[in-house]
Amino acid sequence: MNPERIDLFALNLDGLKRLMTEWGQPAFRAAQLHRWIHDRHAPSFSAMTDLPAAFRAELEAHARLGVLELADEQQSRDGTRKRLYRLPDGQLIESVLMPYQDGRRTACISSQAGCAMACAFCATGQMGFARHLSAAEIVEQAWRFDQELKAAGERLSNVVLMGMGEPFHNFDSVIEAIRQLNDTMGIGARHITVSTVGLVPQIDQFASLGLQVKLAISLHYTRDADRNERMPINRRWPIAELIAACHRYVEATGRRITFEWALIAGENDSVSEASRLAELLRGLRCHVNLIPLNPTRGYPGAPSSASNVEQFVTTLERAGIPATVRVRRGIDIDAGCGQLKSKRERAGGSRDGLEGDPGV
């Protein structure tokens, strides 16, 4: 891939119009290209059959459709597909496609190469931060899955920004990506979820935008001492400040918040912890999404037992806090965010050093 070629996927209609003017092409070519890329999901310039052959040859020589280069892929017995993409600068990012029996097709995509949040149980957090992704690099991950699904007579129905990186650390690009997912790919705002470990100013900023996008908070602990140790962001915005921001969000938007809770055996899966969580969330319009930990090499924790999971759910529900246990996907492959990249780097297959979230 020639990095000097112009990425047409990263251009909106106005950008394509400017490029066509620079190339001496008629203005209507921009609308044609935009339709082929964003409506018809053309896999290549040769597939754009209503464009003149000479113009397609010019596109092949000077442009490209996206920047992601597939570096590795794994497929689980449950149909989950995990991909490792290489960017032009050599950074690696991951994306996951999860099919569900009810027909949903959900893409879990990355917002950064690596992550600066350093959460102890997260493979991406164990690697560190390399750089932010552009809005186009974020959207292209979902676009590629949607392109393939449509070729098979299906479509991408949901997108979650829970892959590598902290989305609110890359706020502007993530918001632009959300708008593109909604406007150009047709993913309904209520079918898009953005997850944060708790960047309070950005939660307030997000609330002010009036988007119908779902918000998820990676909480995992009820006491500052525990959260400080395993999620360093808590030292900047402790639990009380985070929960206060969540109340402001609900008041401003009227929308329910999802709290993500990775159940770690003997660490945060007790009945007493569930009771503290119920008290913490009392009066807040919310739902708790429980995820038995997806183990990583850099953290000794193990997933909770089935009995502990059941007791945790029961305790929350008795206190009036709705909760569900998320079905872990891709457990037979490296489906947890950052795990496939970690594996690749241990094998010496990457030039950098980074990587996600406790489970997919």
Foldseek 3Di string as FASTA:
>chain_A
DDPQAAAPLPDDLVRLQVVCVVVVHDSCVSVLVLCVVQVVVPPALVVSVVDDPVVSVVCVVRHDHDFWDWDDWDAFPQGKIKTWTAGPVFQIFIKIWHADPVQAIEIAFEFFRAEQFLQQFWLQSVWHGDGGDALSNGLVSQSVVQSVQVVVVGGHAAYEDFFWYFCLVVPPRSVVNLVCCCPRNVHAQCRYEYEHQAPLVSLLVVLVVQTNHAYEHADAFLDLVLCCVRGVVCVVPPPVNRLVSQQVSCVSHVDAYEYEHAAWAPPQLALVNLLSVLVSCPPGRYEYEYEFFLGDPRDPTGGYDPVSNVSSQVSNVVSVHHYDYDDFPPSVHQAFHNRVVVVCVVVVNGDGTGIGDGTD
